[in-house]
Amino acid sequence: MILITKPKDDEKLFKAAIKYNFKFLGLALGFILGLVIFLATNWLLIKGGYTAPNGEYVVGPRLQLLSQFFFGYKVSFFGSIVGFFYGFAIGTLGGAVFGLIYNKIVGLRN
C-alpha cells in the first residue's frame, strides 16, 4: 500500500522538521566539547608523559597550549575540570549561535 500525501502536508512537515531548538543544540554541543576536553586531559594523565632533554617531565605538550586561551587550565585533574567548564561555555555559545543563524537562514527560505 502506497501512502499518498498532499503537497500541503509535505510543506508543513518540511517547515516543522527543519528548525533547530538552539537552546538544546547549544547545551548538547557544550556538554560534548567539555567532555572531550575533560576526557582528553585525563587520558593523557593516565597514559603518562616523557622526560624532556632538559630533565623536565612533560605531559601533553599540545594540550598544554589550551592554557594560552583558558585561564587556569593545566594538564592535571583540576585542569580537566577547568577545561570542562571552558569547553561547556564555548560549546554552548557556539552551538546556540549556530542554531540561531541556521534558523534565520531557514526562515528566509520559507
Protein backbone atom coordinates (compact mmCIF):
# COMPACT_ATOMS: atom_id res chain seq x y z
CA MET A 1 0.00 0.00 0.00
CA ILE A 2 1.40 3.36 -1.01
CA LEU A 3 0.64 6.36 1.14
CA ILE A 4 -0.05 9.44 -0.93
CA THR A 5 0.22 12.79 0.80
CA LYS A 6 -0.98 16.15 -0.27
CA PRO A 7 1.63 18.81 -1.15
CA LYS A 8 0.46 20.98 1.75
CA ASP A 9 1.17 18.18 4.21
CA ASP A 10 4.70 17.80 2.84
CA GLU A 11 5.32 21.53 3.18
CA LYS A 12 4.10 21.52 6.79
CA LEU A 13 6.35 18.58 7.61
CA PHE A 14 9.37 20.23 5.95
CA LYS A 15 8.82 23.51 7.82
CA ALA A 16 8.35 21.76 11.17
CA ALA A 17 11.29 19.36 10.87
CA ILE A 18 13.94 21.74 9.59
CA LYS A 19 14.35 24.18 12.53
CA TYR A 20 16.66 23.52 15.48
CA ASN A 21 15.94 24.26 19.09
CA PHE A 22 19.02 26.43 19.55
CA LYS A 23 18.99 26.13 23.36
CA PHE A 24 19.23 22.35 23.34
CA LEU A 25 21.70 22.37 20.47
CA GLY A 26 23.93 24.74 22.44
CA LEU A 27 23.70 22.68 25.62
CA ALA A 28 24.39 19.43 23.77
CA LEU A 29 27.43 20.82 21.95
CA GLY A 30 28.66 22.46 25.14
CA PHE A 31 28.44 19.20 27.05
CA ILE A 32 30.18 17.29 24.26
CA LEU A 33 33.04 19.80 23.93
CA GLY A 34 33.50 19.98 27.69
CA LEU A 35 33.51 16.21 27.95
CA VAL A 36 36.07 15.89 25.13
CA ILE A 37 38.48 18.29 26.89
CA PHE A 38 37.91 16.54 30.23
CA LEU A 39 38.49 13.05 28.81
CA ALA A 40 41.47 14.07 26.66
CA THR A 41 43.21 15.65 29.63
CA ASN A 42 42.60 12.68 31.93
CA TRP A 43 43.59 10.23 29.17
CA LEU A 44 46.95 11.96 28.87
CA LEU A 45 47.38 11.88 32.64
CA ILE A 46 46.69 8.14 32.76
CA LYS A 47 48.90 7.50 29.71
CA GLY A 48 51.77 9.46 31.21
CA GLY A 49 54.36 11.69 29.65
CA TYR A 50 58.04 11.72 28.90
CA THR A 51 61.19 13.35 30.20
CA ALA A 52 62.42 16.22 28.03
CA PRO A 53 66.14 16.65 27.26
CA ASN A 54 66.34 19.37 29.92
CA GLY A 55 65.08 16.88 32.56
CA GLU A 56 61.55 18.26 32.82
CA TYR A 57 58.65 15.78 32.90
CA VAL A 58 56.20 16.71 30.14
CA VAL A 59 52.59 15.51 29.81
CA GLY A 60 50.57 16.56 26.79
CA PRO A 61 52.59 19.42 25.31
CA ARG A 62 49.99 20.12 22.61
CA LEU A 63 47.07 20.08 25.03
CA GLN A 64 49.01 22.47 27.28
CA LEU A 65 48.54 25.06 24.54
CA LEU A 66 44.93 25.41 25.73
CA SER A 67 46.31 27.30 28.72
CA GLN A 68 47.03 30.16 26.30
CA PHE A 69 43.26 30.55 25.82
CA PHE A 70 41.77 29.09 29.00
CA PHE A 71 42.95 30.92 32.12
CA GLY A 72 43.70 28.38 34.88
CA TYR A 73 43.89 25.33 32.61
CA LYS A 74 46.76 22.85 33.03
CA VAL A 75 47.19 19.22 32.11
CA SER A 76 46.13 17.98 35.55
CA PHE A 77 42.95 16.62 37.09
CA PHE A 78 41.95 20.06 38.36
CA GLY A 79 42.83 21.46 34.92
CA SER A 80 40.50 18.92 33.30
CA ILE A 81 37.62 20.25 35.42
CA VAL A 82 38.51 23.82 34.46
CA GLY A 83 38.75 22.73 30.82
CA PHE A 84 35.33 21.08 31.04
CA PHE A 85 33.73 24.36 32.14
CA TYR A 86 35.52 26.35 29.45
CA GLY A 87 34.56 23.78 26.81
CA PHE A 88 30.98 23.76 28.06
CA ALA A 89 30.77 27.56 27.86
CA ILE A 90 32.33 27.82 24.41
CA GLY A 91 30.35 24.89 23.03
CA THR A 92 27.08 26.25 24.43
CA LEU A 93 27.63 29.71 22.98
CA GLY A 94 28.87 28.36 19.66
CA GLY A 95 26.03 25.86 19.32
CA ALA A 96 23.37 28.42 20.22
CA VAL A 97 24.76 30.97 17.76
CA PHE A 98 24.95 28.31 15.05
CA GLY A 99 21.36 27.27 15.76
CA LEU A 100 20.11 30.87 15.67
CA ILE A 101 21.87 31.64 12.40
CA TYR A 102 20.67 28.37 10.87
CA ASN A 103 17.07 29.08 11.93
CA LYS A 104 17.26 32.58 10.46
CA ILE A 105 18.50 31.24 7.13
CA VAL A 106 15.78 28.59 7.07
CA GLY A 107 13.21 31.27 7.96
CA LEU A 108 14.30 33.30 4.95
CA ARG A 109 13.96 30.28 2.71
CA ASN A 110 10.41 29.51 3.82
